[in-house]
Amino acid sequence: MDLLHLAKFSDPGDHPPPRHITQSIVFTAYYFIGIIRASLQQVGIQHKQVEVRAMKSKILLYRSTVSLPGDALEETTVVTSPVSCLHEATEKKYGLIVIIFDPDFLKERNAKVELCAALKRNRHTMQVPLLCVLPSKHRDLLERLQVAKVKYVMIFDPKDSIQQSRLEAFASNPSQEYEITRTLSEVCPHINYFPVSRDKEILYCGAYRNRLVLGPYRLRQYCETNNHINCEYFRNPR
């Protein structure tokens, strides 16, 4: 019996359709309802995925200088003070927070470390990936950032530009290459840092009783690389 025949049972005195026909109609209705519901759920999931991807591509970048790093920062919000960075991070959603440590005053460096600690304590920002961009593998600074619960660091030459695409790639998939524990393992534990002005430090070799000044060449060849274990002073401290 088809649906046109069932339509004839419109008068209350007519005989109702057989039970198996009624059940078939109910099952068919539930089937199509299930399809519609699944389609709506799929649309919702896809919409959510689009929102997540859009959020991940949004980057909050703090740099104390006015000049903007890298290429066009279309999806990046740039702030120039710790207060504005903390306010922006708590008021809006970002996929990545980037703190750039320029070779600046030591006081500003300390303020940025305190900002990192505040971001990791705040319930609104503690789960957002935090990347610190450093001009060198400064062991004392790395250790302080680790205490502040910073997980990722990126080393870059201050003369180079920080590419937007590089930050976006990190935001979508943080790499173990930038884990702070990995970077710290490459740095010799005997480097000692002595401030000589508001923005300058002299580095000495503690394995040589702080009598050896560490220059750029030795830092690149030994002290700030895994090769420091082959250094004569590391192997035989005095």
C-alpha atoms as a PDB file:
ATOM      1  CA  MET A   1       0.000   0.000   0.000  1.00  0.00           C
ATOM      2  CA  ASP A   2       1.520   3.363  -1.039  1.00  0.00           C
ATOM      3  CA  LEU A   3       1.185   6.815   0.508  1.00  0.00           C
ATOM      4  CA  LEU A   4      -1.561   7.858  -1.947  1.00  0.00           C
ATOM      5  CA  HIS A   5      -3.688   4.939  -0.821  1.00  0.00           C
ATOM      6  CA  LEU A   6      -3.075   5.868   2.821  1.00  0.00           C
ATOM      7  CA  ALA A   7      -4.394   9.358   2.147  1.00  0.00           C
ATOM      8  CA  LYS A   8      -7.860   7.849   1.527  1.00  0.00           C
ATOM      9  CA  PHE A   9      -8.207   7.079   5.248  1.00  0.00           C
ATOM     10  CA  SER A  10      -9.277  10.631   6.055  1.00  0.00           C
ATOM     11  CA  ASP A  11     -12.722   9.919   7.501  1.00  0.00           C
ATOM     12  CA  PRO A  12     -12.798   8.783  11.155  1.00  0.00           C
ATOM     13  CA  GLY A  13     -15.076   5.929  10.121  1.00  0.00           C
ATOM     14  CA  ASP A  14     -12.538   4.517   7.689  1.00  0.00           C
ATOM     15  CA  HIS A  15     -10.338   1.687   8.739  1.00  0.00           C
ATOM     16  CA  PRO A  16      -6.852   2.781   9.931  1.00  0.00           C
ATOM     17  CA  PRO A  17      -3.824   1.588   7.929  1.00  0.00           C
ATOM     18  CA  PRO A  18      -2.209  -1.668   8.969  1.00  0.00           C
ATOM     19  CA  ARG A  19       0.255  -1.430  11.863  1.00  0.00           C
ATOM     20  CA  HIS A  20       3.289  -2.347   9.759  1.00  0.00           C
ATOM     21  CA  ILE A  21       2.515   0.525   7.381  1.00  0.00           C
ATOM     22  CA  THR A  22       2.341   2.992  10.289  1.00  0.00           C
ATOM     23  CA  GLN A  23       5.624   1.709  11.701  1.00  0.00           C
ATOM     24  CA  SER A  24       7.256   2.067   8.293  1.00  0.00           C
ATOM     25  CA  ILE A  25       6.194   5.706   8.084  1.00  0.00           C
ATOM     26  CA  VAL A  26       7.490   6.390  11.618  1.00  0.00           C
ATOM     27  CA  PHE A  27      10.830   4.710  10.903  1.00  0.00           C
ATOM     28  CA  THR A  28      11.172   6.698   7.659  1.00  0.00           C
ATOM     29  CA  ALA A  29      10.467   9.941   9.499  1.00  0.00           C
ATOM     30  CA  TYR A  30      13.044   9.135  12.166  1.00  0.00           C
ATOM     31  CA  TYR A  31      15.546   8.243   9.445  1.00  0.00           C
ATOM     32  CA  PHE A  32      15.221  11.617   7.743  1.00  0.00           C
ATOM     33  CA  ILE A  33      15.247  13.431  11.090  1.00  0.00           C
ATOM     34  CA  GLY A  34      18.510  11.645  11.900  1.00  0.00           C
ATOM     35  CA  ILE A  35      20.005  12.723   8.584  1.00  0.00           C
ATOM     36  CA  ILE A  36      18.989  16.345   9.150  1.00  0.00           C
ATOM     37  CA  ARG A  37      20.348  16.308  12.703  1.00  0.00           C
ATOM     38  CA  ALA A  38      23.668  14.814  11.572  1.00  0.00           C
ATOM     39  CA  SER A  39      23.937  17.440   8.827  1.00  0.00           C
ATOM     40  CA  LEU A  40      23.330  20.257  11.306  1.00  0.00           C
ATOM     41  CA  GLN A  41      25.928  18.817  13.672  1.00  0.00           C
ATOM     42  CA  GLN A  42      28.447  18.602  10.824  1.00  0.00           C
ATOM     43  CA  VAL A  43      27.777  22.226   9.892  1.00  0.00           C
ATOM     44  CA  GLY A  44      28.287  23.214  13.523  1.00  0.00           C
ATOM     45  CA  ILE A  45      31.565  21.288  13.722  1.00  0.00           C
ATOM     46  CA  GLN A  46      32.843  22.886  10.522  1.00  0.00           C
ATOM     47  CA  HIS A  47      31.871  26.336  11.780  1.00  0.00           C
ATOM     48  CA  LYS A  48      33.681  25.663  15.055  1.00  0.00           C
ATOM     49  CA  GLN A  49      36.781  24.507  13.171  1.00  0.00           C
ATOM     50  CA  VAL A  50      36.752  27.707  11.117  1.00  0.00           C
ATOM     51  CA  GLU A  51      36.517  29.755  14.328  1.00  0.00           C
ATOM     52  CA  VAL A  52      39.432  27.838  15.889  1.00  0.00           C
ATOM     53  CA  ARG A  53      41.600  28.313  12.799  1.00  0.00           C
ATOM     54  CA  ALA A  54      40.771  32.015  12.733  1.00  0.00           C
ATOM     55  CA  MET A  55      41.606  32.344  16.425  1.00  0.00           C
ATOM     56  CA  LYS A  56      44.910  30.488  16.019  1.00  0.00           C
ATOM     57  CA  SER A  57      45.966  32.834  13.236  1.00  0.00           C
ATOM     58  CA  LYS A  58      45.499  35.863  15.536  1.00  0.00           C
ATOM     59  CA  ILE A  59      48.751  36.858  17.194  1.00  0.00           C
ATOM     60  CA  LEU A  60      49.374  39.340  19.976  1.00  0.00           C
ATOM     61  CA  LEU A  61      52.908  40.735  19.758  1.00  0.00           C
ATOM     62  CA  TYR A  62      54.614  42.875  22.370  1.00  0.00           C
ATOM     63  CA  ARG A  63      57.707  44.819  21.471  1.00  0.00           C
ATOM     64  CA  SER A  64      58.950  47.842  23.399  1.00  0.00           C
ATOM     65  CA  THR A  65      60.152  49.621  20.258  1.00  0.00           C
ATOM     66  CA  VAL A  66      57.757  51.352  17.891  1.00  0.00           C
ATOM     67  CA  SER A  67      59.136  49.758  14.715  1.00  0.00           C
ATOM     68  CA  LEU A  68      57.187  46.747  13.504  1.00  0.00           C
ATOM     69  CA  PRO A  69      59.091  43.509  12.845  1.00  0.00           C
ATOM     70  CA  GLY A  70      58.913  41.510   9.657  1.00  0.00           C
ATOM     71  CA  ASP A  71      56.451  41.758   6.799  1.00  0.00           C
ATOM     72  CA  ALA A  72      52.827  42.900   6.789  1.00  0.00           C
ATOM     73  CA  LEU A  73      51.230  42.033  10.138  1.00  0.00           C
ATOM     74  CA  GLU A  74      47.683  41.478   8.921  1.00  0.00           C
ATOM     75  CA  GLU A  75      46.554  39.128  11.700  1.00  0.00           C
ATOM     76  CA  THR A  76      48.854  40.532  14.373  1.00  0.00           C
ATOM     77  CA  THR A  77      48.052  43.068  17.062  1.00  0.00           C
ATOM     78  CA  VAL A  78      51.180  44.943  18.153  1.00  0.00           C
ATOM     79  CA  VAL A  79      51.458  46.556  21.588  1.00  0.00           C
ATOM     80  CA  THR A  80      54.389  48.433  23.110  1.00  0.00           C
ATOM     81  CA  SER A  81      53.924  48.187  26.877  1.00  0.00           C
ATOM     82  CA  PRO A  82      53.386  45.400  29.436  1.00  0.00           C
ATOM     83  CA  VAL A  83      50.109  46.964  30.626  1.00  0.00           C
ATOM     84  CA  SER A  84      48.600  47.148  27.138  1.00  0.00           C
ATOM     85  CA  CYS A  85      49.787  43.607  26.410  1.00  0.00           C
ATOM     86  CA  LEU A  86      48.140  42.171  29.520  1.00  0.00           C
ATOM     87  CA  HIS A  87      44.939  44.132  28.878  1.00  0.00           C
ATOM     88  CA  GLU A  88      44.726  43.037  25.240  1.00  0.00           C
ATOM     89  CA  ALA A  89      45.471  39.401  26.087  1.00  0.00           C
ATOM     90  CA  THR A  90      42.715  39.215  28.710  1.00  0.00           C
ATOM     91  CA  GLU A  91      40.069  41.130  26.722  1.00  0.00           C
ATOM     92  CA  LYS A  92      40.372  39.243  23.414  1.00  0.00           C
ATOM     93  CA  LYS A  93      41.176  35.731  22.214  1.00  0.00           C
ATOM     94  CA  TYR A  94      44.508  35.027  20.554  1.00  0.00           C
ATOM     95  CA  GLY A  95      46.140  31.867  19.270  1.00  0.00           C
ATOM     96  CA  LEU A  96      49.640  33.014  20.225  1.00  0.00           C
ATOM     97  CA  ILE A  97      51.262  35.660  22.423  1.00  0.00           C
ATOM     98  CA  VAL A  98      54.752  36.763  21.374  1.00  0.00           C
ATOM     99  CA  ILE A  99      57.095  38.738  23.633  1.00  0.00           C
ATOM    100  CA  ILE A 100      60.133  40.151  21.838  1.00  0.00           C
ATOM    101  CA  PHE A 101      63.248  40.743  23.922  1.00  0.00           C
ATOM    102  CA  ASP A 102      65.290  43.349  22.090  1.00  0.00           C
ATOM    103  CA  PRO A 103      68.841  44.054  23.233  1.00  0.00           C
ATOM    104  CA  ASP A 104      67.299  46.729  25.446  1.00  0.00           C
ATOM    105  CA  PHE A 105      67.736  48.055  28.950  1.00  0.00           C
ATOM    106  CA  LEU A 106      68.064  45.411  31.636  1.00  0.00           C
ATOM    107  CA  LYS A 107      65.119  47.015  33.463  1.00  0.00           C
ATOM    108  CA  GLU A 108      62.874  46.426  30.442  1.00  0.00           C
ATOM    109  CA  ARG A 109      64.075  42.836  30.261  1.00  0.00           C
ATOM    110  CA  ASN A 110      63.027  42.309  33.876  1.00  0.00           C
ATOM    111  CA  ALA A 111      59.617  43.849  33.175  1.00  0.00           C
ATOM    112  CA  LYS A 112      59.071  41.458  30.279  1.00  0.00           C
ATOM    113  CA  VAL A 113      59.927  38.456  32.440  1.00  0.00           C
ATOM    114  CA  GLU A 114      57.383  39.671  35.009  1.00  0.00           C
ATOM    115  CA  LEU A 115      54.822  40.059  32.213  1.00  0.00           C
ATOM    116  CA  CYS A 116      55.402  36.449  31.118  1.00  0.00           C
ATOM    117  CA  ALA A 117      54.854  35.260  34.686  1.00  0.00           C
ATOM    118  CA  ALA A 118      51.628  37.307  34.930  1.00  0.00           C
ATOM    119  CA  LEU A 119      50.306  35.871  31.656  1.00  0.00           C
ATOM    120  CA  LYS A 120      50.951  32.335  32.885  1.00  0.00           C
ATOM    121  CA  ARG A 121      49.208  33.015  36.195  1.00  0.00           C
ATOM    122  CA  ASN A 122      46.123  34.640  34.684  1.00  0.00           C
ATOM    123  CA  ARG A 123      43.253  32.195  34.124  1.00  0.00           C
ATOM    124  CA  HIS A 124      42.303  33.924  30.857  1.00  0.00           C
ATOM    125  CA  THR A 125      45.749  33.584  29.280  1.00  0.00           C
ATOM    126  CA  MET A 126      47.514  30.704  31.013  1.00  0.00           C
ATOM    127  CA  GLN A 127      46.491  28.226  28.279  1.00  0.00           C
ATOM    128  CA  VAL A 128      47.468  30.471  25.353  1.00  0.00           C
ATOM    129  CA  PRO A 129      50.861  29.488  23.849  1.00  0.00           C
ATOM    130  CA  LEU A 130      53.503  32.025  24.861  1.00  0.00           C
ATOM    131  CA  LEU A 131      56.611  32.468  22.709  1.00  0.00           C
ATOM    132  CA  CYS A 132      59.569  34.592  23.778  1.00  0.00           C
ATOM    133  CA  VAL A 133      61.837  35.809  20.991  1.00  0.00           C
ATOM    134  CA  LEU A 134      65.405  36.404  22.189  1.00  0.00           C
ATOM    135  CA  PRO A 135      68.467  37.927  20.498  1.00  0.00           C
ATOM    136  CA  SER A 136      70.782  35.321  22.057  1.00  0.00           C
ATOM    137  CA  LYS A 137      70.868  32.212  24.237  1.00  0.00           C
ATOM    138  CA  HIS A 138      71.230  34.147  27.472  1.00  0.00           C
ATOM    139  CA  ARG A 139      71.340  31.412  30.109  1.00  0.00           C
ATOM    140  CA  ASP A 140      70.266  33.567  33.066  1.00  0.00           C
ATOM    141  CA  LEU A 141      67.337  34.959  31.088  1.00  0.00           C
ATOM    142  CA  LEU A 142      66.342  31.494  29.862  1.00  0.00           C
ATOM    143  CA  GLU A 143      66.364  30.163  33.428  1.00  0.00           C
ATOM    144  CA  ARG A 144      64.205  33.042  34.654  1.00  0.00           C
ATOM    145  CA  LEU A 145      61.733  32.499  31.806  1.00  0.00           C
ATOM    146  CA  GLN A 146      61.581  28.825  32.664  1.00  0.00           C
ATOM    147  CA  VAL A 147      60.701  29.717  36.262  1.00  0.00           C
ATOM    148  CA  ALA A 148      57.983  32.001  34.836  1.00  0.00           C
ATOM    149  CA  LYS A 149      56.574  28.874  33.104  1.00  0.00           C
ATOM    150  CA  VAL A 150      57.479  29.964  29.573  1.00  0.00           C
ATOM    151  CA  LYS A 151      57.670  26.857  27.411  1.00  0.00           C
ATOM    152  CA  TYR A 152      58.870  28.175  24.053  1.00  0.00           C
ATOM    153  CA  VAL A 153      61.667  30.498  22.938  1.00  0.00           C
ATOM    154  CA  MET A 154      62.915  31.493  19.510  1.00  0.00           C
ATOM    155  CA  ILE A 155      66.390  32.911  18.877  1.00  0.00           C
ATOM    156  CA  PHE A 156      66.781  35.545  16.178  1.00  0.00           C
ATOM    157  CA  ASP A 157      69.354  38.067  15.070  1.00  0.00           C
ATOM    158  CA  PRO A 158      68.156  41.569  16.041  1.00  0.00           C
ATOM    159  CA  LYS A 159      69.181  42.768  12.574  1.00  0.00           C
ATOM    160  CA  ASP A 160      66.811  40.303  10.889  1.00  0.00           C
ATOM    161  CA  SER A 161      63.050  40.573  10.460  1.00  0.00           C
ATOM    162  CA  ILE A 162      60.614  38.275  12.226  1.00  0.00           C
ATOM    163  CA  GLN A 163      58.468  36.827   9.474  1.00  0.00           C
ATOM    164  CA  GLN A 164      54.713  36.717   9.986  1.00  0.00           C
ATOM    165  CA  SER A 165      54.539  33.324   8.255  1.00  0.00           C
ATOM    166  CA  ARG A 166      57.034  31.889  10.746  1.00  0.00           C
ATOM    167  CA  LEU A 167      54.933  32.996  13.698  1.00  0.00           C
ATOM    168  CA  GLU A 168      51.723  31.718  12.081  1.00  0.00           C
ATOM    169  CA  ALA A 169      53.324  28.323  11.439  1.00  0.00           C
ATOM    170  CA  PHE A 170      54.354  28.135  15.091  1.00  0.00           C
ATOM    171  CA  ALA A 171      50.883  29.196  16.267  1.00  0.00           C
ATOM    172  CA  SER A 172      49.210  26.401  14.299  1.00  0.00           C
ATOM    173  CA  ASN A 173      51.709  23.751  15.380  1.00  0.00           C
ATOM    174  CA  PRO A 174      54.208  24.594  18.172  1.00  0.00           C
ATOM    175  CA  SER A 175      57.428  22.713  17.471  1.00  0.00           C
ATOM    176  CA  GLN A 176      59.606  20.947  20.033  1.00  0.00           C
ATOM    177  CA  GLU A 177      62.503  22.680  18.323  1.00  0.00           C
ATOM    178  CA  TYR A 178      61.617  25.828  20.267  1.00  0.00           C
ATOM    179  CA  GLU A 179      61.115  24.298  23.706  1.00  0.00           C
ATOM    180  CA  ILE A 180      63.030  26.238  26.323  1.00  0.00           C
ATOM    181  CA  THR A 181      64.438  23.099  27.939  1.00  0.00           C
ATOM    182  CA  ARG A 182      66.066  22.158  24.645  1.00  0.00           C
ATOM    183  CA  THR A 183      67.625  25.598  24.221  1.00  0.00           C
ATOM    184  CA  LEU A 184      68.908  25.638  27.806  1.00  0.00           C
ATOM    185  CA  SER A 185      70.587  22.252  27.333  1.00  0.00           C
ATOM    186  CA  GLU A 186      72.753  23.788  24.602  1.00  0.00           C
ATOM    187  CA  VAL A 187      74.158  26.562  26.814  1.00  0.00           C
ATOM    188  CA  CYS A 188      77.224  26.094  28.986  1.00  0.00           C
ATOM    189  CA  PRO A 189      76.346  26.332  32.704  1.00  0.00           C
ATOM    190  CA  HIS A 190      79.623  28.163  33.447  1.00  0.00           C
ATOM    191  CA  ILE A 191      78.718  31.429  31.678  1.00  0.00           C
ATOM    192  CA  ASN A 192      78.490  34.318  34.137  1.00  0.00           C
ATOM    193  CA  TYR A 193      76.904  37.680  33.300  1.00  0.00           C
ATOM    194  CA  PHE A 194      78.109  40.958  34.832  1.00  0.00           C
ATOM    195  CA  PRO A 195      76.206  44.216  34.072  1.00  0.00           C
ATOM    196  CA  VAL A 196      78.490  47.170  33.270  1.00  0.00           C
ATOM    197  CA  SER A 197      75.790  49.701  32.316  1.00  0.00           C
ATOM    198  CA  ARG A 198      72.012  49.978  31.934  1.00  0.00           C
ATOM    199  CA  ASP A 199      72.063  48.004  28.688  1.00  0.00           C
ATOM    200  CA  LYS A 200      75.438  46.240  28.556  1.00  0.00           C
ATOM    201  CA  GLU A 201      76.824  43.065  30.099  1.00  0.00           C
ATOM    202  CA  ILE A 202      80.220  41.368  30.050  1.00  0.00           C
ATOM    203  CA  LEU A 203      80.277  37.580  29.915  1.00  0.00           C
ATOM    204  CA  TYR A 204      82.932  35.632  31.779  1.00  0.00           C
ATOM    205  CA  CYS A 205      83.839  31.958  31.899  1.00  0.00           C
ATOM    206  CA  GLY A 206      83.165  30.662  35.400  1.00  0.00           C
ATOM    207  CA  ALA A 207      85.093  27.481  34.633  1.00  0.00           C
ATOM    208  CA  TYR A 208      88.182  29.693  34.276  1.00  0.00           C
ATOM    209  CA  ARG A 209      87.534  31.618  37.512  1.00  0.00           C
ATOM    210  CA  ASN A 210      85.883  34.502  35.615  1.00  0.00           C
ATOM    211  CA  ARG A 211      89.244  35.492  34.146  1.00  0.00           C
ATOM    212  CA  LEU A 212      88.253  34.781  30.549  1.00  0.00           C
ATOM    213  CA  VAL A 213      85.974  37.251  28.749  1.00  0.00           C
ATOM    214  CA  LEU A 214      83.647  35.467  26.324  1.00  0.00           C
ATOM    215  CA  GLY A 215      83.372  37.168  22.955  1.00  0.00           C
ATOM    216  CA  PRO A 216      80.955  36.519  20.053  1.00  0.00           C
ATOM    217  CA  TYR A 217      83.245  34.019  18.333  1.00  0.00           C
ATOM    218  CA  ARG A 218      83.700  31.758  21.350  1.00  0.00           C
ATOM    219  CA  LEU A 219      80.005  31.998  22.227  1.00  0.00           C
ATOM    220  CA  ARG A 220      79.036  30.838  18.725  1.00  0.00           C
ATOM    221  CA  GLN A 221      81.642  28.097  18.596  1.00  0.00           C
ATOM    222  CA  TYR A 222      81.348  26.661  22.095  1.00  0.00           C
ATOM    223  CA  CYS A 223      79.509  28.379  24.924  1.00  0.00           C
ATOM    224  CA  GLU A 224      76.033  28.651  23.396  1.00  0.00           C
ATOM    225  CA  THR A 225      76.083  25.347  21.491  1.00  0.00           C
ATOM    226  CA  ASN A 226      76.102  21.655  22.284  1.00  0.00           C
ATOM    227  CA  ASN A 227      79.804  21.815  21.508  1.00  0.00           C
ATOM    228  CA  HIS A 228      80.453  23.423  24.888  1.00  0.00           C
ATOM    229  CA  ILE A 229      81.026  19.924  26.322  1.00  0.00           C
ATOM    230  CA  ASN A 230      84.201  19.762  24.236  1.00  0.00           C
ATOM    231  CA  CYS A 231      85.568  23.028  25.621  1.00  0.00           C
ATOM    232  CA  GLU A 232      88.848  22.580  27.511  1.00  0.00           C
ATOM    233  CA  TYR A 233      87.603  24.740  30.385  1.00  0.00           C
ATOM    234  CA  PHE A 234      84.291  22.889  30.645  1.00  0.00           C
ATOM    235  CA  ARG A 235      86.108  19.554  30.709  1.00  0.00           C
ATOM    236  CA  ASN A 236      88.697  20.746  33.223  1.00  0.00           C
ATOM    237  CA  PRO A 237      87.351  23.617  35.355  1.00  0.00           C
ATOM    238  CA  ARG A 238      89.946  25.538  37.350  1.00  0.00           C
END
